[in-house]
Amino acid sequence: MEEKIVTKTIPLRVTKSPRTSLPFNLRKTTIKLMGEYNEKDRIRVQTEMAKNDLEAYIILSKDKIEDSTFIEFSTESDREKISELSSTQSLSLIPFLHS
């Protein structure tokens, strides 16, 4: 036996709703605050990217010191200076890089 499909029509009343229920002055304030939050987020992202770039540069500098081509064309004194500078920089930047 086949099931019978029953269709019902229900009238719906559609009303126009406002875009937002906030009063105009609060909308302006909210838009301003959202702009400020977006700017703070943009600055935070740029800061994180700069920190990552700096940390990568320090790591790359340390790796270069051990590179055979670099060793061939540099003096032991130069490598020691670079190693010392990169170690000092990375130690002094640890709180900054991870804040």
N, C-alpha and C. Protein backbone atom coordinates (compact mmCIF):
# COMPACT_ATOMS: atom_id res chain seq x y z
N MET A 1 0.83 -1.17 0.00
CA MET A 1 0.00 0.00 0.00
C MET A 1 0.88 1.25 0.00
N GLU A 2 0.58 2.18 -0.84
CA GLU A 2 1.34 3.40 -1.00
C GLU A 2 0.90 4.44 0.03
N GLU A 3 1.94 5.17 0.58
CA GLU A 3 1.60 6.24 1.53
C GLU A 3 1.09 7.44 0.77
N LYS A 4 0.11 8.08 1.35
CA LYS A 4 -0.47 9.26 0.73
C LYS A 4 0.22 10.51 1.30
N ILE A 5 0.68 11.39 0.43
CA ILE A 5 1.33 12.63 0.86
C ILE A 5 0.25 13.69 1.06
N VAL A 6 0.30 14.28 2.24
CA VAL A 6 -0.68 15.32 2.59
C VAL A 6 0.04 16.67 2.55
N THR A 7 -0.52 17.61 1.86
CA THR A 7 0.05 18.95 1.76
C THR A 7 -0.90 19.92 2.43
N LYS A 8 -0.31 20.81 3.29
CA LYS A 8 -1.12 21.83 3.95
C LYS A 8 -0.55 23.20 3.62
N THR A 9 -1.37 24.16 3.48
CA THR A 9 -0.96 25.54 3.25
C THR A 9 -1.19 26.32 4.52
N ILE A 10 -0.14 26.96 4.98
CA ILE A 10 -0.24 27.77 6.19
C ILE A 10 0.08 29.20 5.80
N PRO A 11 -0.82 30.13 6.03
CA PRO A 11 -0.55 31.53 5.67
C PRO A 11 0.48 32.14 6.63
N LEU A 12 1.48 32.79 6.08
CA LEU A 12 2.50 33.47 6.88
C LEU A 12 2.39 34.96 6.66
N ARG A 13 2.51 35.67 7.73
CA ARG A 13 2.46 37.13 7.65
C ARG A 13 3.91 37.62 7.66
N VAL A 14 4.34 38.27 6.62
CA VAL A 14 5.71 38.78 6.52
C VAL A 14 5.69 40.26 6.81
N THR A 15 6.55 40.65 7.73
CA THR A 15 6.66 42.07 8.04
C THR A 15 8.08 42.52 7.74
N LYS A 16 8.21 43.76 7.45
CA LYS A 16 9.53 44.32 7.19
C LYS A 16 10.20 44.59 8.53
N SER A 17 11.41 44.05 8.70
CA SER A 17 12.11 44.29 9.96
C SER A 17 13.23 45.30 9.73
N PRO A 18 13.51 46.10 10.74
CA PRO A 18 14.60 47.07 10.58
C PRO A 18 15.94 46.34 10.48
N ARG A 19 16.91 47.00 9.88
CA ARG A 19 18.24 46.41 9.71
C ARG A 19 18.87 46.10 11.06
N THR A 20 18.65 46.94 11.99
CA THR A 20 19.15 46.72 13.35
C THR A 20 18.17 47.36 14.32
N SER A 21 18.19 46.84 15.51
CA SER A 21 17.28 47.40 16.50
C SER A 21 17.96 48.46 17.37
N LEU A 22 19.23 48.74 17.06
CA LEU A 22 19.94 49.75 17.85
C LEU A 22 19.55 51.15 17.40
N PRO A 23 19.45 52.06 18.34
CA PRO A 23 19.22 53.45 17.97
C PRO A 23 20.41 53.99 17.17
N PHE A 24 20.18 55.02 16.39
CA PHE A 24 21.19 55.55 15.48
C PHE A 24 22.50 55.89 16.19
N ASN A 25 22.42 56.57 17.34
CA ASN A 25 23.65 56.98 18.03
C ASN A 25 24.45 55.77 18.51
N LEU A 26 23.77 54.70 18.90
CA LEU A 26 24.48 53.48 19.31
C LEU A 26 25.09 52.77 18.11
N ARG A 27 24.42 52.84 16.98
CA ARG A 27 24.97 52.24 15.76
C ARG A 27 26.29 52.91 15.39
N LYS A 28 26.31 54.26 15.46
CA LYS A 28 27.54 54.98 15.14
C LYS A 28 28.66 54.60 16.09
N THR A 29 28.34 54.50 17.39
CA THR A 29 29.33 54.12 18.38
C THR A 29 29.83 52.70 18.14
N THR A 30 28.92 51.81 17.82
CA THR A 30 29.28 50.42 17.56
C THR A 30 30.18 50.31 16.34
N ILE A 31 29.85 51.03 15.29
CA ILE A 31 30.67 51.02 14.07
C ILE A 31 32.07 51.56 14.37
N LYS A 32 32.13 52.62 15.17
CA LYS A 32 33.43 53.20 15.53
C LYS A 32 34.25 52.19 16.34
N LEU A 33 33.62 51.53 17.32
CA LEU A 33 34.33 50.54 18.14
C LEU A 33 34.82 49.36 17.30
N MET A 34 33.99 48.91 16.37
CA MET A 34 34.39 47.80 15.51
C MET A 34 35.59 48.20 14.65
N GLY A 35 35.62 49.44 14.19
CA GLY A 35 36.76 49.93 13.43
C GLY A 35 38.03 49.92 14.27
N GLU A 36 37.90 50.34 15.53
CA GLU A 36 39.05 50.34 16.44
C GLU A 36 39.52 48.91 16.71
N TYR A 37 38.59 47.99 16.93
CA TYR A 37 38.96 46.59 17.16
C TYR A 37 39.64 46.00 15.93
N ASN A 38 39.13 46.33 14.76
CA ASN A 38 39.76 45.83 13.52
C ASN A 38 41.18 46.36 13.38
N GLU A 39 41.38 47.63 13.72
CA GLU A 39 42.72 48.22 13.65
C GLU A 39 43.67 47.54 14.65
N LYS A 40 43.17 47.29 15.86
CA LYS A 40 44.01 46.60 16.86
C LYS A 40 44.36 45.19 16.39
N ASP A 41 43.41 44.50 15.78
CA ASP A 41 43.68 43.17 15.24
C ASP A 41 44.71 43.23 14.13
N ARG A 42 44.60 44.23 13.26
CA ARG A 42 45.56 44.38 12.16
C ARG A 42 46.97 44.61 12.71
N ILE A 43 47.08 45.46 13.72
CA ILE A 43 48.38 45.74 14.34
C ILE A 43 48.92 44.48 15.02
N ARG A 44 48.05 43.73 15.69
CA ARG A 44 48.48 42.49 16.36
C ARG A 44 49.02 41.49 15.34
N VAL A 45 48.33 41.34 14.23
CA VAL A 45 48.76 40.40 13.19
C VAL A 45 50.10 40.84 12.60
N GLN A 46 50.24 42.14 12.31
CA GLN A 46 51.50 42.64 11.76
C GLN A 46 52.65 42.45 12.75
N THR A 47 52.38 42.68 14.04
CA THR A 47 53.40 42.49 15.07
C THR A 47 53.84 41.04 15.14
N GLU A 48 52.88 40.12 15.12
CA GLU A 48 53.20 38.69 15.15
C GLU A 48 54.03 38.30 13.93
N MET A 49 53.67 38.82 12.76
CA MET A 49 54.43 38.51 11.55
C MET A 49 55.86 39.04 11.64
N ALA A 50 56.02 40.26 12.18
CA ALA A 50 57.35 40.84 12.34
C ALA A 50 58.18 40.03 13.33
N LYS A 51 57.56 39.59 14.41
CA LYS A 51 58.27 38.76 15.39
C LYS A 51 58.71 37.45 14.76
N ASN A 52 57.83 36.83 13.99
CA ASN A 52 58.18 35.58 13.32
C ASN A 52 59.32 35.78 12.33
N ASP A 53 59.28 36.89 11.58
CA ASP A 53 60.34 37.18 10.63
C ASP A 53 61.68 37.39 11.34
N LEU A 54 61.65 38.11 12.45
CA LEU A 54 62.86 38.36 13.21
C LEU A 54 63.43 37.07 13.77
N GLU A 55 62.57 36.24 14.33
CA GLU A 55 63.01 34.97 14.88
C GLU A 55 63.59 34.08 13.78
N ALA A 56 62.96 34.07 12.61
CA ALA A 56 63.47 33.29 11.48
C ALA A 56 64.83 33.81 11.03
N TYR A 57 65.01 35.13 11.04
CA TYR A 57 66.29 35.73 10.64
C TYR A 57 67.40 35.31 11.60
N ILE A 58 67.11 35.32 12.89
CA ILE A 58 68.11 34.92 13.89
C ILE A 58 68.49 33.45 13.69
N ILE A 59 67.49 32.61 13.47
CA ILE A 59 67.77 31.19 13.24
C ILE A 59 68.58 30.99 11.96
N LEU A 60 68.22 31.72 10.90
CA LEU A 60 68.96 31.64 9.64
C LEU A 60 70.41 32.08 9.83
N SER A 61 70.62 33.13 10.61
CA SER A 61 71.98 33.61 10.88
C SER A 61 72.80 32.53 11.57
N LYS A 62 72.19 31.87 12.53
CA LYS A 62 72.90 30.79 13.24
C LYS A 62 73.23 29.64 12.29
N ASP A 63 72.28 29.33 11.40
CA ASP A 63 72.52 28.24 10.44
C ASP A 63 73.61 28.61 9.44
N LYS A 64 73.67 29.86 9.02
CA LYS A 64 74.67 30.31 8.06
C LYS A 64 76.09 30.12 8.61
N ILE A 65 76.26 30.33 9.90
CA ILE A 65 77.57 30.22 10.52
C ILE A 65 78.14 28.81 10.32
N GLU A 66 77.26 27.82 10.28
CA GLU A 66 77.69 26.43 10.14
C GLU A 66 77.75 25.98 8.68
N ASP A 67 77.35 26.83 7.74
CA ASP A 67 77.36 26.50 6.32
C ASP A 67 78.81 26.43 5.81
N SER A 68 79.11 25.40 5.02
CA SER A 68 80.49 25.19 4.56
C SER A 68 81.01 26.33 3.68
N THR A 69 80.15 26.89 2.84
CA THR A 69 80.56 28.01 1.99
C THR A 69 80.86 29.24 2.84
N PHE A 70 80.05 29.48 3.82
CA PHE A 70 80.28 30.62 4.71
C PHE A 70 81.58 30.42 5.47
N ILE A 71 81.80 29.21 5.95
CA ILE A 71 83.03 28.91 6.69
C ILE A 71 84.25 29.14 5.80
N GLU A 72 84.14 28.73 4.55
CA GLU A 72 85.26 28.87 3.60
C GLU A 72 85.64 30.33 3.38
N PHE A 73 84.65 31.24 3.34
CA PHE A 73 84.92 32.63 3.01
C PHE A 73 84.86 33.58 4.21
N SER A 74 84.89 33.05 5.40
CA SER A 74 84.88 33.90 6.59
C SER A 74 85.99 33.45 7.53
N THR A 75 86.32 34.35 8.45
CA THR A 75 87.35 34.00 9.43
C THR A 75 86.66 33.47 10.68
N GLU A 76 87.43 32.79 11.47
CA GLU A 76 86.91 32.26 12.73
C GLU A 76 86.43 33.42 13.61
N SER A 77 87.17 34.51 13.57
CA SER A 77 86.80 35.70 14.34
C SER A 77 85.44 36.24 13.91
N ASP A 78 85.21 36.32 12.59
CA ASP A 78 83.92 36.79 12.08
C ASP A 78 82.79 35.89 12.53
N ARG A 79 83.00 34.60 12.42
CA ARG A 79 81.95 33.64 12.82
C ARG A 79 81.65 33.73 14.31
N GLU A 80 82.70 33.93 15.11
CA GLU A 80 82.49 34.07 16.56
C GLU A 80 81.67 35.33 16.88
N LYS A 81 81.99 36.44 16.19
CA LYS A 81 81.25 37.68 16.41
C LYS A 81 79.78 37.51 16.03
N ILE A 82 79.55 36.91 14.87
CA ILE A 82 78.17 36.71 14.42
C ILE A 82 77.43 35.78 15.36
N SER A 83 78.10 34.74 15.80
CA SER A 83 77.48 33.79 16.72
C SER A 83 77.13 34.48 18.04
N GLU A 84 78.06 35.28 18.52
CA GLU A 84 77.83 36.00 19.78
C GLU A 84 76.67 36.99 19.63
N LEU A 85 76.66 37.73 18.52
CA LEU A 85 75.58 38.70 18.30
C LEU A 85 74.23 38.01 18.18
N SER A 86 74.18 36.91 17.43
CA SER A 86 72.89 36.25 17.26
C SER A 86 72.42 35.61 18.57
N SER A 87 73.36 35.11 19.37
CA SER A 87 72.98 34.53 20.67
C SER A 87 72.49 35.62 21.61
N THR A 88 73.22 36.74 21.64
CA THR A 88 72.82 37.87 22.49
C THR A 88 71.46 38.40 22.07
N GLN A 89 71.28 38.57 20.74
CA GLN A 89 70.01 39.07 20.23
C GLN A 89 68.87 38.11 20.56
N SER A 90 69.09 36.83 20.34
CA SER A 90 68.00 35.90 20.59
C SER A 90 67.67 35.82 22.07
N LEU A 91 68.69 35.89 22.93
CA LEU A 91 68.41 35.87 24.37
C LEU A 91 67.68 37.13 24.82
N SER A 92 68.08 38.28 24.28
CA SER A 92 67.43 39.52 24.70
C SER A 92 66.03 39.65 24.11
N LEU A 93 65.76 38.94 23.01
CA LEU A 93 64.47 39.06 22.36
C LEU A 93 63.47 37.97 22.79
N ILE A 94 63.91 37.01 23.57
CA ILE A 94 63.00 35.93 23.96
C ILE A 94 61.71 36.46 24.59
N PRO A 95 61.78 37.37 25.57
CA PRO A 95 60.50 37.89 26.12
C PRO A 95 59.68 38.62 25.07
N PHE A 96 60.34 39.37 24.21
CA PHE A 96 59.65 40.13 23.17
C PHE A 96 59.00 39.20 22.14
N LEU A 97 59.73 38.18 21.72
CA LEU A 97 59.22 37.29 20.68
C LEU A 97 58.04 36.46 21.17
N HIS A 98 57.99 36.19 22.44
CA HIS A 98 56.94 35.30 22.95
C HIS A 98 55.91 36.02 23.81
N SER A 99 55.82 37.33 23.65
CA SER A 99 54.81 38.07 24.42
C SER A 99 53.55 38.23 23.63
